[in-house]
Amino acid sequence: METALIEYGTFLVAGKTIQATPQSDFAQVWQDLFTQLSPEQVQACEKLQAVGVMMPDADDTGFTYTAGFMVKGIAEVSALGLTGVVVPAAMYATVLVQGAVPDCIKPGFEYLHSEFIPAKGAEPTGVNLEVYGPGNRESEDYRMYLWSAVSGLEVQPHRA
């Protein structure tokens, strides 16, 4: 699998956020997001990077999931009528996965958390990202990246 360590700065996501569990229907969150947007907003969002963001709750008892788009500022969040989520700067372990969504996501995160991250001497922080590429998400040839924030690295990262 194609993997990398990438240092990435703080960024803002405009999207729809839910309290989630591993059994949550994340595809439904994306459907709800697009239902909430006007056709003009959907067209504007096509130019933005689509991301799914999983972040631990403040008390570390669960997590939230946000289906959304990377934006430059709070004005864009407001214009879209969505929730703004600040994703903190971090070192991320990344893997390129291929296949239909959501089938390719769970095995990709399992690989990151059970093999790649431990091999680097790091620990996951609980912040995970689905970074969507262009194309048909239902295609077996679809490619996207999964990112998992890490701490405790013993190696020098590649800077993005």
C-alpha atoms as a PDB file:
ATOM      1  CA  MET A   1       0.000   0.000   0.000  1.00  0.00           C
ATOM      2  CA  GLU A   2       1.176   3.526  -0.767  1.00  0.00           C
ATOM      3  CA  THR A   3       1.751   5.249   2.577  1.00  0.00           C
ATOM      4  CA  ALA A   4       3.335   8.482   3.808  1.00  0.00           C
ATOM      5  CA  LEU A   5       3.735  10.708   6.833  1.00  0.00           C
ATOM      6  CA  ILE A   6       2.521  14.248   6.151  1.00  0.00           C
ATOM      7  CA  GLU A   7       2.572  17.296   8.403  1.00  0.00           C
ATOM      8  CA  TYR A   8      -0.533  19.408   7.731  1.00  0.00           C
ATOM      9  CA  GLY A   9      -1.670  22.688   9.264  1.00  0.00           C
ATOM     10  CA  THR A  10      -4.983  23.604  10.851  1.00  0.00           C
ATOM     11  CA  PHE A  11      -7.904  23.792   8.422  1.00  0.00           C
ATOM     12  CA  LEU A  12     -11.637  24.462   8.427  1.00  0.00           C
ATOM     13  CA  VAL A  13     -14.352  22.124   7.154  1.00  0.00           C
ATOM     14  CA  ALA A  14     -17.899  23.227   6.322  1.00  0.00           C
ATOM     15  CA  GLY A  15     -20.265  20.315   6.592  1.00  0.00           C
ATOM     16  CA  LYS A  16     -22.900  18.302   8.379  1.00  0.00           C
ATOM     17  CA  THR A  17     -21.855  16.847  11.746  1.00  0.00           C
ATOM     18  CA  ILE A  18     -23.363  13.965  13.729  1.00  0.00           C
ATOM     19  CA  GLN A  19     -22.586  12.200  17.006  1.00  0.00           C
ATOM     20  CA  ALA A  20     -21.331   8.900  15.634  1.00  0.00           C
ATOM     21  CA  THR A  21     -20.555   5.305  16.496  1.00  0.00           C
ATOM     22  CA  PRO A  22     -18.634   2.781  14.378  1.00  0.00           C
ATOM     23  CA  GLN A  23     -22.050   1.505  13.236  1.00  0.00           C
ATOM     24  CA  SER A  24     -23.292   4.925  12.041  1.00  0.00           C
ATOM     25  CA  ASP A  25     -24.489   5.260   8.452  1.00  0.00           C
ATOM     26  CA  PHE A  26     -21.838   7.665   7.160  1.00  0.00           C
ATOM     27  CA  ALA A  27     -23.211   7.483   3.597  1.00  0.00           C
ATOM     28  CA  GLN A  28     -26.487   8.872   4.938  1.00  0.00           C
ATOM     29  CA  VAL A  29     -24.633  11.867   6.401  1.00  0.00           C
ATOM     30  CA  TRP A  30     -23.296  12.651   2.908  1.00  0.00           C
ATOM     31  CA  GLN A  31     -26.787  12.242   1.424  1.00  0.00           C
ATOM     32  CA  ASP A  32     -28.244  14.553   4.083  1.00  0.00           C
ATOM     33  CA  LEU A  33     -25.501  17.101   3.384  1.00  0.00           C
ATOM     34  CA  PHE A  34     -26.256  17.236  -0.344  1.00  0.00           C
ATOM     35  CA  THR A  35     -30.012  17.363   0.340  1.00  0.00           C
ATOM     36  CA  GLN A  36     -29.453  20.408   2.553  1.00  0.00           C
ATOM     37  CA  LEU A  37     -27.529  22.297  -0.164  1.00  0.00           C
ATOM     38  CA  SER A  38     -29.112  24.173  -3.060  1.00  0.00           C
ATOM     39  CA  PRO A  39     -28.100  23.171  -6.614  1.00  0.00           C
ATOM     40  CA  GLU A  40     -25.914  26.305  -6.784  1.00  0.00           C
ATOM     41  CA  GLN A  41     -24.192  25.395  -3.517  1.00  0.00           C
ATOM     42  CA  VAL A  42     -23.602  21.829  -4.710  1.00  0.00           C
ATOM     43  CA  GLN A  43     -22.002  23.210  -7.867  1.00  0.00           C
ATOM     44  CA  ALA A  44     -19.763  25.532  -5.798  1.00  0.00           C
ATOM     45  CA  CYS A  45     -18.751  22.634  -3.522  1.00  0.00           C
ATOM     46  CA  GLU A  46     -17.617  20.555  -6.500  1.00  0.00           C
ATOM     47  CA  LYS A  47     -14.559  22.848  -6.651  1.00  0.00           C
ATOM     48  CA  LEU A  48     -13.707  22.186  -2.980  1.00  0.00           C
ATOM     49  CA  GLN A  49     -11.884  19.231  -1.412  1.00  0.00           C
ATOM     50  CA  ALA A  50     -14.434  16.763   0.014  1.00  0.00           C
ATOM     51  CA  VAL A  51     -13.464  15.258   3.379  1.00  0.00           C
ATOM     52  CA  GLY A  52     -14.997  13.093   6.061  1.00  0.00           C
ATOM     53  CA  VAL A  53     -13.701  14.068   9.518  1.00  0.00           C
ATOM     54  CA  MET A  54     -13.826  11.819  12.584  1.00  0.00           C
ATOM     55  CA  MET A  55     -12.854  13.606  15.798  1.00  0.00           C
ATOM     56  CA  PRO A  56     -12.995  12.354  19.385  1.00  0.00           C
ATOM     57  CA  ASP A  57     -15.437  14.037  21.751  1.00  0.00           C
ATOM     58  CA  ALA A  58     -13.976  16.373  24.367  1.00  0.00           C
ATOM     59  CA  ASP A  59     -14.491  13.681  27.024  1.00  0.00           C
ATOM     60  CA  ASP A  60     -13.059  10.922  24.770  1.00  0.00           C
ATOM     61  CA  THR A  61     -16.178   8.749  25.149  1.00  0.00           C
ATOM     62  CA  GLY A  62     -17.215   8.864  21.504  1.00  0.00           C
ATOM     63  CA  PHE A  63     -16.654  10.781  18.306  1.00  0.00           C
ATOM     64  CA  THR A  64     -18.257  13.081  15.798  1.00  0.00           C
ATOM     65  CA  TYR A  65     -18.329  12.607  12.045  1.00  0.00           C
ATOM     66  CA  THR A  66     -18.471  15.538   9.654  1.00  0.00           C
ATOM     67  CA  ALA A  67     -19.161  15.106   5.942  1.00  0.00           C
ATOM     68  CA  GLY A  68     -18.030  18.290   4.240  1.00  0.00           C
ATOM     69  CA  PHE A  69     -15.598  20.406   2.324  1.00  0.00           C
ATOM     70  CA  MET A  70     -12.357  22.198   3.139  1.00  0.00           C
ATOM     71  CA  VAL A  71     -12.993  25.961   3.085  1.00  0.00           C
ATOM     72  CA  LYS A  72     -10.855  29.068   3.603  1.00  0.00           C
ATOM     73  CA  GLY A  73     -12.894  30.830   6.245  1.00  0.00           C
ATOM     74  CA  ILE A  74     -15.988  31.142   8.355  1.00  0.00           C
ATOM     75  CA  ALA A  75     -17.683  33.267   5.662  1.00  0.00           C
ATOM     76  CA  GLU A  76     -17.778  30.223   3.371  1.00  0.00           C
ATOM     77  CA  VAL A  77     -19.212  28.084   6.174  1.00  0.00           C
ATOM     78  CA  SER A  78     -21.922  30.677   6.752  1.00  0.00           C
ATOM     79  CA  ALA A  79     -22.668  31.100   3.037  1.00  0.00           C
ATOM     80  CA  LEU A  80     -23.243  27.366   2.737  1.00  0.00           C
ATOM     81  CA  GLY A  81     -25.391  27.269   5.881  1.00  0.00           C
ATOM     82  CA  LEU A  82     -23.293  24.445   7.320  1.00  0.00           C
ATOM     83  CA  THR A  83     -21.457  23.647  10.548  1.00  0.00           C
ATOM     84  CA  GLY A  84     -17.812  24.721  10.771  1.00  0.00           C
ATOM     85  CA  VAL A  85     -15.296  22.256  12.200  1.00  0.00           C
ATOM     86  CA  VAL A  86     -11.689  23.213  12.920  1.00  0.00           C
ATOM     87  CA  VAL A  87      -9.304  20.326  12.265  1.00  0.00           C
ATOM     88  CA  PRO A  88      -6.085  20.842  14.251  1.00  0.00           C
ATOM     89  CA  ALA A  89      -2.613  20.817  12.761  1.00  0.00           C
ATOM     90  CA  ALA A  90      -1.040  17.388  13.061  1.00  0.00           C
ATOM     91  CA  MET A  91       1.316  14.816  11.665  1.00  0.00           C
ATOM     92  CA  TYR A  92      -0.783  12.371   9.636  1.00  0.00           C
ATOM     93  CA  ALA A  93      -0.126   8.800   8.614  1.00  0.00           C
ATOM     94  CA  THR A  94      -1.731   8.409   5.188  1.00  0.00           C
ATOM     95  CA  VAL A  95      -2.632   5.547   2.896  1.00  0.00           C
ATOM     96  CA  LEU A  96      -3.958   5.499  -0.666  1.00  0.00           C
ATOM     97  CA  VAL A  97      -6.871   3.084  -1.030  1.00  0.00           C
ATOM     98  CA  GLN A  98      -8.726   1.887  -4.097  1.00  0.00           C
ATOM     99  CA  GLY A  99     -12.224   0.521  -4.450  1.00  0.00           C
ATOM    100  CA  ALA A 100     -15.848   1.397  -3.976  1.00  0.00           C
ATOM    101  CA  VAL A 101     -16.770   3.595  -1.018  1.00  0.00           C
ATOM    102  CA  PRO A 102     -17.403   2.664   1.760  1.00  0.00           C
ATOM    103  CA  ASP A 103     -15.894  -0.811   1.221  1.00  0.00           C
ATOM    104  CA  CYS A 104     -12.305   0.478   0.875  1.00  0.00           C
ATOM    105  CA  ILE A 105     -12.374   2.704   3.977  1.00  0.00           C
ATOM    106  CA  LYS A 106     -12.452   0.258   6.910  1.00  0.00           C
ATOM    107  CA  PRO A 107      -9.607  -1.969   5.603  1.00  0.00           C
ATOM    108  CA  GLY A 108      -7.512   1.136   4.906  1.00  0.00           C
ATOM    109  CA  PHE A 109      -7.889   2.470   8.453  1.00  0.00           C
ATOM    110  CA  GLU A 110      -7.273  -1.023   9.850  1.00  0.00           C
ATOM    111  CA  TYR A 111      -3.988  -1.175   7.910  1.00  0.00           C
ATOM    112  CA  LEU A 112      -2.926   2.278   9.159  1.00  0.00           C
ATOM    113  CA  HIS A 113      -3.758   1.489  12.800  1.00  0.00           C
ATOM    114  CA  SER A 114      -2.543  -2.122  12.985  1.00  0.00           C
ATOM    115  CA  GLU A 115       0.561  -2.016  10.763  1.00  0.00           C
ATOM    116  CA  PHE A 116       1.823   1.322   9.451  1.00  0.00           C
ATOM    117  CA  ILE A 117       1.428   3.543  12.550  1.00  0.00           C
ATOM    118  CA  PRO A 118       2.867   0.989  15.036  1.00  0.00           C
ATOM    119  CA  ALA A 119       5.790   0.303  12.654  1.00  0.00           C
ATOM    120  CA  LYS A 120       6.636   4.013  12.798  1.00  0.00           C
ATOM    121  CA  GLY A 121       6.606   4.058  16.602  1.00  0.00           C
ATOM    122  CA  ALA A 122       3.626   6.409  16.676  1.00  0.00           C
ATOM    123  CA  GLU A 123       0.229   6.499  18.368  1.00  0.00           C
ATOM    124  CA  PRO A 124      -3.067   7.550  16.712  1.00  0.00           C
ATOM    125  CA  THR A 125      -4.671  10.623  18.302  1.00  0.00           C
ATOM    126  CA  GLY A 126      -8.229   9.732  17.284  1.00  0.00           C
ATOM    127  CA  VAL A 127      -8.526  12.307  14.477  1.00  0.00           C
ATOM    128  CA  ASN A 128      -9.149  10.501  11.174  1.00  0.00           C
ATOM    129  CA  LEU A 129      -9.849  11.901   7.718  1.00  0.00           C
ATOM    130  CA  GLU A 130     -11.339  10.508   4.535  1.00  0.00           C
ATOM    131  CA  VAL A 131      -9.876  12.609   1.713  1.00  0.00           C
ATOM    132  CA  TYR A 132     -11.983  12.029  -1.373  1.00  0.00           C
ATOM    133  CA  GLY A 133     -10.611  12.118  -4.901  1.00  0.00           C
ATOM    134  CA  PRO A 134     -12.429  12.912  -8.123  1.00  0.00           C
ATOM    135  CA  GLY A 135     -14.543  10.294  -9.865  1.00  0.00           C
ATOM    136  CA  ASN A 136     -17.305   7.835  -9.165  1.00  0.00           C
ATOM    137  CA  ARG A 137     -17.128   6.745  -5.515  1.00  0.00           C
ATOM    138  CA  GLU A 138     -18.943   3.497  -6.363  1.00  0.00           C
ATOM    139  CA  SER A 139     -16.321   2.373  -8.906  1.00  0.00           C
ATOM    140  CA  GLU A 140     -13.848  -0.414  -8.115  1.00  0.00           C
ATOM    141  CA  ASP A 141     -11.167   1.878  -9.637  1.00  0.00           C
ATOM    142  CA  TYR A 142     -11.980   4.799  -7.297  1.00  0.00           C
ATOM    143  CA  ARG A 143      -8.969   6.128  -5.363  1.00  0.00           C
ATOM    144  CA  MET A 144      -8.890   8.194  -2.188  1.00  0.00           C
ATOM    145  CA  TYR A 145      -6.629   8.819   0.799  1.00  0.00           C
ATOM    146  CA  LEU A 146      -7.202   8.009   4.457  1.00  0.00           C
ATOM    147  CA  TRP A 147      -5.361  10.109   7.053  1.00  0.00           C
ATOM    148  CA  SER A 148      -4.884   9.360  10.744  1.00  0.00           C
ATOM    149  CA  ALA A 149      -3.330  11.984  13.046  1.00  0.00           C
ATOM    150  CA  VAL A 150      -0.420  10.590  15.071  1.00  0.00           C
ATOM    151  CA  SER A 151       1.865  11.554  17.917  1.00  0.00           C
ATOM    152  CA  GLY A 152       5.159  10.187  19.248  1.00  0.00           C
ATOM    153  CA  LEU A 153       6.950   9.843  15.931  1.00  0.00           C
ATOM    154  CA  GLU A 154      10.542   8.625  15.853  1.00  0.00           C
ATOM    155  CA  VAL A 155      11.121   9.498  12.170  1.00  0.00           C
ATOM    156  CA  GLN A 156      11.444  12.681  10.150  1.00  0.00           C
ATOM    157  CA  PRO A 157       8.208  13.385   8.225  1.00  0.00           C
ATOM    158  CA  HIS A 158       7.691  14.463   4.652  1.00  0.00           C
ATOM    159  CA  ARG A 159       6.266  18.015   4.664  1.00  0.00           C
ATOM    160  CA  ALA A 160       3.271  18.731   2.428  1.00  0.00           C
END
